[in-house]
Amino acid sequence: MWYVVDILFAQKRDGDQSEIMCEACNVLFEAPSAIDACGKAVRWSEEHVRDTEFHLIGIQHVRSLDDDRPGDGTEIGGSFFETRDPWGRRDELIPDLNDIPTVKFEARPNTPVGELVPEDTIRKAKKIFGEE
């Protein structure tokens, strides 16, 4: 069976810091049971945080997929939420397809990453890896 495990990571608190950098991951695992999928998630997490400032907080949720084998079009995550005027803010909410990082990276494989990534993302990455 296939499971999606929602995993939460965070950096350690630094003094009186009120805002903490966190990461939420939705990861797909094949396992015989939900508890086995959680075990795989913990092992995956150990590798995921290696050489970063992040630490595993824990597993937030586990859900099984109805499909025996995920494939094209298998939904593994999503949520409902309310926001003001999404149609009027479409340009703000939906990037141009060519600005989506994975599309951009694949289209320009020989371009240095620093030229493809926004400056705020570079700052966040430096903070995550303790280079700031």
N, C-alpha and C. Protein backbone atom coordinates (compact mmCIF):
# COMPACT_ATOMS: atom_id res chain seq x y z
N MET A 1 0.84 -1.17 0.00
CA MET A 1 0.00 0.00 0.00
C MET A 1 0.89 1.24 0.00
N TRP A 2 0.40 2.32 -0.54
CA TRP A 2 1.12 3.59 -0.58
C TRP A 2 0.56 4.56 0.45
N TYR A 3 1.46 5.28 1.11
CA TYR A 3 1.08 6.24 2.15
C TYR A 3 1.77 7.58 1.90
N VAL A 4 1.07 8.66 2.20
CA VAL A 4 1.67 9.99 2.22
C VAL A 4 1.86 10.36 3.69
N VAL A 5 3.09 10.65 4.06
CA VAL A 5 3.40 11.01 5.44
C VAL A 5 3.78 12.49 5.47
N ASP A 6 3.07 13.25 6.29
CA ASP A 6 3.35 14.68 6.47
C ASP A 6 4.32 14.81 7.64
N ILE A 7 5.50 15.36 7.35
CA ILE A 7 6.59 15.42 8.32
C ILE A 7 6.95 16.88 8.57
N LEU A 8 7.16 17.24 9.84
CA LEU A 8 7.48 18.61 10.19
C LEU A 8 8.89 18.69 10.77
N PHE A 9 9.66 19.65 10.25
CA PHE A 9 11.02 19.93 10.70
C PHE A 9 11.09 21.39 11.14
N ALA A 10 12.04 21.70 12.01
CA ALA A 10 12.27 23.09 12.41
C ALA A 10 13.71 23.25 12.85
N GLN A 11 14.19 24.49 12.76
CA GLN A 11 15.49 24.81 13.31
C GLN A 11 15.33 24.97 14.81
N LYS A 12 16.40 24.85 15.54
CA LYS A 12 16.36 25.05 17.00
C LYS A 12 16.17 26.53 17.31
N ARG A 13 15.52 26.81 18.40
CA ARG A 13 15.31 28.19 18.85
C ARG A 13 16.65 28.81 19.20
N ASP A 14 16.82 30.06 18.79
CA ASP A 14 18.05 30.79 19.07
C ASP A 14 17.71 31.97 19.96
N GLY A 15 17.85 31.81 21.27
CA GLY A 15 17.55 32.89 22.22
C GLY A 15 16.06 33.17 22.31
N ASP A 16 15.71 34.45 22.19
CA ASP A 16 14.30 34.88 22.31
C ASP A 16 13.59 34.91 20.97
N GLN A 17 14.13 34.26 20.01
CA GLN A 17 13.59 34.24 18.66
C GLN A 17 12.12 33.80 18.67
N SER A 18 11.23 34.61 18.07
CA SER A 18 9.81 34.25 18.04
C SER A 18 9.45 33.52 16.76
N GLU A 19 10.13 33.82 15.67
CA GLU A 19 9.87 33.15 14.40
C GLU A 19 10.95 32.11 14.17
N ILE A 20 10.54 30.88 13.89
CA ILE A 20 11.46 29.78 13.66
C ILE A 20 11.25 29.26 12.24
N MET A 21 12.32 29.06 11.51
CA MET A 21 12.24 28.50 10.17
C MET A 21 11.82 27.04 10.28
N CYS A 22 10.76 26.67 9.54
CA CYS A 22 10.21 25.32 9.56
C CYS A 22 10.10 24.78 8.14
N GLU A 23 10.00 23.48 8.04
CA GLU A 23 9.75 22.84 6.76
C GLU A 23 8.72 21.74 6.97
N ALA A 24 7.70 21.72 6.12
CA ALA A 24 6.71 20.66 6.13
C ALA A 24 6.88 19.88 4.84
N CYS A 25 7.00 18.56 4.94
CA CYS A 25 7.19 17.71 3.76
C CYS A 25 6.05 16.70 3.69
N ASN A 26 5.56 16.48 2.49
CA ASN A 26 4.58 15.43 2.22
C ASN A 26 5.32 14.39 1.38
N VAL A 27 5.61 13.22 1.98
CA VAL A 27 6.48 12.25 1.33
C VAL A 27 5.73 10.95 1.11
N LEU A 28 5.92 10.37 -0.07
CA LEU A 28 5.25 9.14 -0.46
C LEU A 28 6.11 7.94 -0.12
N PHE A 29 5.51 6.95 0.58
CA PHE A 29 6.21 5.72 0.95
C PHE A 29 5.35 4.51 0.61
N GLU A 30 5.98 3.44 0.17
CA GLU A 30 5.28 2.18 -0.01
C GLU A 30 5.61 1.32 1.20
N ALA A 31 4.57 0.81 1.88
CA ALA A 31 4.77 0.03 3.10
C ALA A 31 3.54 -0.86 3.33
N PRO A 32 3.71 -1.92 4.12
CA PRO A 32 2.57 -2.81 4.40
C PRO A 32 1.55 -2.22 5.37
N SER A 33 1.96 -1.19 6.15
CA SER A 33 1.03 -0.59 7.11
C SER A 33 1.42 0.86 7.36
N ALA A 34 0.52 1.60 7.98
CA ALA A 34 0.79 3.01 8.30
C ALA A 34 1.97 3.13 9.27
N ILE A 35 2.05 2.23 10.23
CA ILE A 35 3.15 2.30 11.20
C ILE A 35 4.49 2.03 10.51
N ASP A 36 4.51 1.13 9.54
CA ASP A 36 5.74 0.87 8.78
C ASP A 36 6.11 2.08 7.93
N ALA A 37 5.11 2.75 7.37
CA ALA A 37 5.36 3.97 6.60
C ALA A 37 5.96 5.04 7.50
N CYS A 38 5.49 5.12 8.74
CA CYS A 38 6.06 6.09 9.70
C CYS A 38 7.52 5.76 10.01
N GLY A 39 7.82 4.48 10.15
CA GLY A 39 9.21 4.07 10.37
C GLY A 39 10.09 4.48 9.20
N LYS A 40 9.61 4.28 7.99
CA LYS A 40 10.35 4.71 6.81
C LYS A 40 10.52 6.22 6.82
N ALA A 41 9.48 6.93 7.24
CA ALA A 41 9.53 8.40 7.27
C ALA A 41 10.60 8.90 8.24
N VAL A 42 10.71 8.25 9.38
CA VAL A 42 11.74 8.65 10.35
C VAL A 42 13.13 8.41 9.77
N ARG A 43 13.33 7.27 9.13
CA ARG A 43 14.63 6.99 8.51
C ARG A 43 14.92 7.98 7.37
N TRP A 44 13.90 8.29 6.57
CA TRP A 44 14.04 9.27 5.50
C TRP A 44 14.41 10.63 6.08
N SER A 45 13.79 10.98 7.20
CA SER A 45 14.02 12.28 7.84
C SER A 45 15.46 12.44 8.29
N GLU A 46 16.05 11.37 8.79
CA GLU A 46 17.44 11.43 9.24
C GLU A 46 18.36 11.83 8.10
N GLU A 47 18.11 11.28 6.93
CA GLU A 47 18.92 11.63 5.76
C GLU A 47 18.56 13.04 5.26
N HIS A 48 17.29 13.38 5.31
CA HIS A 48 16.82 14.67 4.81
C HIS A 48 17.45 15.85 5.55
N VAL A 49 17.67 15.72 6.85
CA VAL A 49 18.20 16.84 7.64
C VAL A 49 19.73 16.82 7.76
N ARG A 50 20.35 15.78 7.24
CA ARG A 50 21.81 15.69 7.32
C ARG A 50 22.44 16.94 6.70
N ASP A 51 23.39 17.52 7.41
CA ASP A 51 24.11 18.72 6.96
C ASP A 51 23.22 19.96 6.86
N THR A 52 22.13 20.00 7.63
CA THR A 52 21.29 21.20 7.70
C THR A 52 21.15 21.59 9.17
N GLU A 53 20.51 22.70 9.40
CA GLU A 53 20.22 23.16 10.75
C GLU A 53 18.83 22.70 11.21
N PHE A 54 18.16 21.88 10.39
CA PHE A 54 16.82 21.43 10.73
C PHE A 54 16.85 20.15 11.56
N HIS A 55 15.80 19.98 12.35
CA HIS A 55 15.63 18.79 13.19
C HIS A 55 14.19 18.31 13.04
N LEU A 56 14.01 17.02 13.13
CA LEU A 56 12.68 16.44 13.04
C LEU A 56 11.86 16.82 14.27
N ILE A 57 10.72 17.45 14.05
CA ILE A 57 9.77 17.68 15.14
C ILE A 57 8.88 16.45 15.26
N GLY A 58 8.39 15.96 14.13
CA GLY A 58 7.58 14.75 14.18
C GLY A 58 6.72 14.56 12.95
N ILE A 59 5.94 13.51 13.00
CA ILE A 59 5.02 13.17 11.92
C ILE A 59 3.67 13.78 12.27
N GLN A 60 3.16 14.58 11.36
CA GLN A 60 1.89 15.25 11.61
C GLN A 60 0.68 14.43 11.18
N HIS A 61 0.84 13.67 10.10
CA HIS A 61 -0.32 12.96 9.57
C HIS A 61 0.15 11.87 8.62
N VAL A 62 -0.62 10.81 8.52
CA VAL A 62 -0.37 9.73 7.57
C VAL A 62 -1.69 9.40 6.90
N ARG A 63 -1.65 9.28 5.60
CA ARG A 63 -2.87 8.88 4.90
C ARG A 63 -2.52 7.89 3.81
N SER A 64 -3.39 6.93 3.61
CA SER A 64 -3.15 5.94 2.56
C SER A 64 -3.75 6.46 1.26
N LEU A 65 -3.18 5.99 0.17
CA LEU A 65 -3.72 6.31 -1.15
C LEU A 65 -4.68 5.21 -1.54
N ASP A 66 -5.73 5.57 -2.22
CA ASP A 66 -6.68 4.57 -2.69
C ASP A 66 -6.10 3.73 -3.82
N ASP A 67 -5.11 4.28 -4.52
CA ASP A 67 -4.52 3.59 -5.65
C ASP A 67 -3.49 2.56 -5.18
N ASP A 68 -3.48 1.38 -5.83
CA ASP A 68 -2.46 0.39 -5.53
C ASP A 68 -1.09 0.87 -5.99
N ARG A 69 -1.04 1.55 -7.10
CA ARG A 69 0.20 2.08 -7.65
C ARG A 69 -0.06 3.50 -8.11
N PRO A 70 0.57 4.46 -7.47
CA PRO A 70 0.37 5.83 -7.93
C PRO A 70 0.96 6.01 -9.33
N GLY A 71 0.34 6.88 -10.07
CA GLY A 71 0.81 7.18 -11.42
C GLY A 71 0.40 8.59 -11.78
N ASP A 72 0.45 8.93 -13.05
CA ASP A 72 0.06 10.27 -13.49
C ASP A 72 -1.33 10.61 -12.96
N GLY A 73 -1.44 11.77 -12.34
CA GLY A 73 -2.72 12.26 -11.88
C GLY A 73 -3.11 11.79 -10.49
N THR A 74 -2.29 11.02 -9.82
CA THR A 74 -2.60 10.59 -8.45
C THR A 74 -2.40 11.78 -7.52
N GLU A 75 -3.45 12.19 -6.84
CA GLU A 75 -3.35 13.31 -5.91
C GLU A 75 -2.79 12.81 -4.58
N ILE A 76 -1.69 13.41 -4.12
CA ILE A 76 -1.10 12.96 -2.87
C ILE A 76 -1.23 14.00 -1.77
N GLY A 77 -1.73 15.16 -2.07
CA GLY A 77 -1.90 16.17 -1.03
C GLY A 77 -2.77 17.30 -1.52
N GLY A 78 -3.20 18.10 -0.60
CA GLY A 78 -4.02 19.25 -0.93
C GLY A 78 -4.79 19.70 0.28
N SER A 79 -5.35 20.89 0.20
CA SER A 79 -6.14 21.39 1.31
C SER A 79 -7.14 22.41 0.79
N PHE A 80 -8.16 22.67 1.58
CA PHE A 80 -9.13 23.71 1.28
C PHE A 80 -8.83 24.89 2.19
N PHE A 81 -8.94 26.09 1.67
CA PHE A 81 -8.72 27.28 2.48
C PHE A 81 -9.47 28.44 1.85
N GLU A 82 -9.62 29.50 2.60
CA GLU A 82 -10.29 30.70 2.10
C GLU A 82 -9.27 31.82 1.96
N THR A 83 -9.41 32.59 0.90
CA THR A 83 -8.55 33.74 0.68
C THR A 83 -9.36 34.80 -0.04
N ARG A 84 -8.93 36.04 0.07
CA ARG A 84 -9.70 37.11 -0.57
C ARG A 84 -9.43 37.14 -2.07
N ASP A 85 -10.46 37.29 -2.87
CA ASP A 85 -10.43 37.56 -4.31
C ASP A 85 -9.34 36.82 -5.08
N PRO A 86 -9.36 35.48 -5.13
CA PRO A 86 -8.31 34.78 -5.86
C PRO A 86 -8.29 35.09 -7.35
N TRP A 87 -9.46 35.35 -7.94
CA TRP A 87 -9.50 35.63 -9.38
C TRP A 87 -8.89 36.99 -9.68
N GLY A 88 -9.13 37.97 -8.83
CA GLY A 88 -8.56 39.29 -9.01
C GLY A 88 -7.07 39.33 -8.70
N ARG A 89 -6.59 38.33 -7.96
CA ARG A 89 -5.17 38.26 -7.57
C ARG A 89 -4.44 37.14 -8.31
N ARG A 90 -5.03 36.68 -9.42
CA ARG A 90 -4.46 35.54 -10.13
C ARG A 90 -2.99 35.74 -10.46
N ASP A 91 -2.62 36.92 -10.96
CA ASP A 91 -1.21 37.15 -11.32
C ASP A 91 -0.29 37.10 -10.11
N GLU A 92 -0.82 37.42 -8.95
CA GLU A 92 -0.04 37.36 -7.71
C GLU A 92 0.08 35.91 -7.21
N LEU A 93 -0.97 35.14 -7.39
CA LEU A 93 -1.03 33.78 -6.85
C LEU A 93 -0.45 32.71 -7.77
N ILE A 94 -0.54 32.93 -9.08
CA ILE A 94 -0.12 31.91 -10.04
C ILE A 94 1.03 32.45 -10.87
N PRO A 95 2.23 31.86 -10.74
CA PRO A 95 3.37 32.35 -11.51
C PRO A 95 3.27 31.93 -12.97
N ASP A 96 3.99 32.63 -13.82
CA ASP A 96 4.16 32.20 -15.20
C ASP A 96 4.82 30.83 -15.15
N LEU A 97 4.40 29.93 -16.01
CA LEU A 97 4.93 28.57 -16.02
C LEU A 97 6.45 28.56 -16.09
N ASN A 98 7.04 29.47 -16.85
CA ASN A 98 8.50 29.51 -17.00
C ASN A 98 9.22 30.05 -15.77
N ASP A 99 8.47 30.58 -14.79
CA ASP A 99 9.07 31.06 -13.55
C ASP A 99 9.04 30.01 -12.44
N ILE A 100 8.40 28.88 -12.67
CA ILE A 100 8.37 27.81 -11.69
C ILE A 100 9.76 27.19 -11.66
N PRO A 101 10.39 27.13 -10.47
CA PRO A 101 11.80 26.72 -10.38
C PRO A 101 12.16 25.44 -11.13
N THR A 102 11.41 24.37 -11.00
CA THR A 102 11.78 23.12 -11.65
C THR A 102 11.76 23.28 -13.17
N VAL A 103 10.77 23.98 -13.68
CA VAL A 103 10.70 24.23 -15.13
C VAL A 103 11.90 25.07 -15.56
N LYS A 104 12.19 26.10 -14.78
CA LYS A 104 13.32 26.99 -15.08
C LYS A 104 14.65 26.22 -15.07
N PHE A 105 14.86 25.38 -14.04
CA PHE A 105 16.12 24.63 -13.95
C PHE A 105 16.28 23.65 -15.11
N GLU A 106 15.20 22.96 -15.44
CA GLU A 106 15.28 21.98 -16.53
C GLU A 106 15.51 22.66 -17.88
N ALA A 107 14.94 23.86 -18.07
CA ALA A 107 15.09 24.58 -19.34
C ALA A 107 16.48 25.18 -19.51
N ARG A 108 17.18 25.40 -18.39
CA ARG A 108 18.50 26.05 -18.45
C ARG A 108 19.51 25.25 -17.61
N PRO A 109 19.79 24.02 -18.01
CA PRO A 109 20.63 23.15 -17.18
C PRO A 109 22.08 23.62 -17.01
N ASN A 110 22.58 24.46 -17.91
CA ASN A 110 23.97 24.90 -17.82
C ASN A 110 24.13 26.26 -17.15
N THR A 111 23.03 26.84 -16.67
CA THR A 111 23.08 28.13 -16.00
C THR A 111 23.36 27.91 -14.53
N PRO A 112 24.30 28.67 -13.95
CA PRO A 112 24.56 28.52 -12.50
C PRO A 112 23.29 28.76 -11.68
N VAL A 113 23.09 27.93 -10.68
CA VAL A 113 21.88 28.00 -9.86
C VAL A 113 21.68 29.40 -9.28
N GLY A 114 22.77 30.04 -8.87
CA GLY A 114 22.67 31.38 -8.30
C GLY A 114 22.02 32.40 -9.22
N GLU A 115 22.06 32.15 -10.52
CA GLU A 115 21.43 33.05 -11.48
C GLU A 115 19.95 32.72 -11.69
N LEU A 116 19.52 31.55 -11.25
CA LEU A 116 18.14 31.11 -11.45
C LEU A 116 17.27 31.27 -10.21
N VAL A 117 17.90 31.38 -9.05
CA VAL A 117 17.17 31.40 -7.78
C VAL A 117 17.02 32.84 -7.30
N PRO A 118 15.81 33.22 -6.84
CA PRO A 118 15.62 34.58 -6.32
C PRO A 118 16.51 34.85 -5.10
N GLU A 119 16.89 36.10 -4.93
CA GLU A 119 17.79 36.50 -3.85
C GLU A 119 17.25 36.10 -2.47
N ASP A 120 15.93 36.24 -2.23
CA ASP A 120 15.37 35.88 -0.92
C ASP A 120 15.51 34.38 -0.66
N THR A 121 15.44 33.56 -1.69
CA THR A 121 15.63 32.12 -1.54
C THR A 121 17.08 31.81 -1.19
N ILE A 122 18.01 32.52 -1.80
CA ILE A 122 19.43 32.33 -1.48
C ILE A 122 19.68 32.69 -0.03
N ARG A 123 19.08 33.80 0.44
CA ARG A 123 19.24 34.20 1.85
C ARG A 123 18.70 33.13 2.79
N LYS A 124 17.52 32.60 2.47
CA LYS A 124 16.92 31.56 3.31
C LYS A 124 17.81 30.31 3.33
N ALA A 125 18.33 29.93 2.18
CA ALA A 125 19.19 28.74 2.11
C ALA A 125 20.45 28.94 2.94
N LYS A 126 21.04 30.14 2.87
CA LYS A 126 22.23 30.41 3.68
C LYS A 126 21.90 30.33 5.16
N LYS A 127 20.71 30.79 5.53
CA LYS A 127 20.29 30.73 6.93
C LYS A 127 20.11 29.27 7.36
N ILE A 128 19.49 28.47 6.49
CA ILE A 128 19.24 27.07 6.79
C ILE A 128 20.56 26.33 7.02
N PHE A 129 21.56 26.61 6.17
CA PHE A 129 22.82 25.90 6.27
C PHE A 129 23.84 26.62 7.14
N GLY A 130 23.38 27.65 7.87
CA GLY A 130 24.23 28.32 8.84
C GLY A 130 25.36 29.13 8.23
N GLU A 131 25.15 29.65 7.02
CA GLU A 131 26.19 30.42 6.36
C GLU A 131 25.93 31.92 6.41
N GLU A 132 24.96 32.32 7.19
CA GLU A 132 24.61 33.74 7.26
C GLU A 132 25.21 34.40 8.47
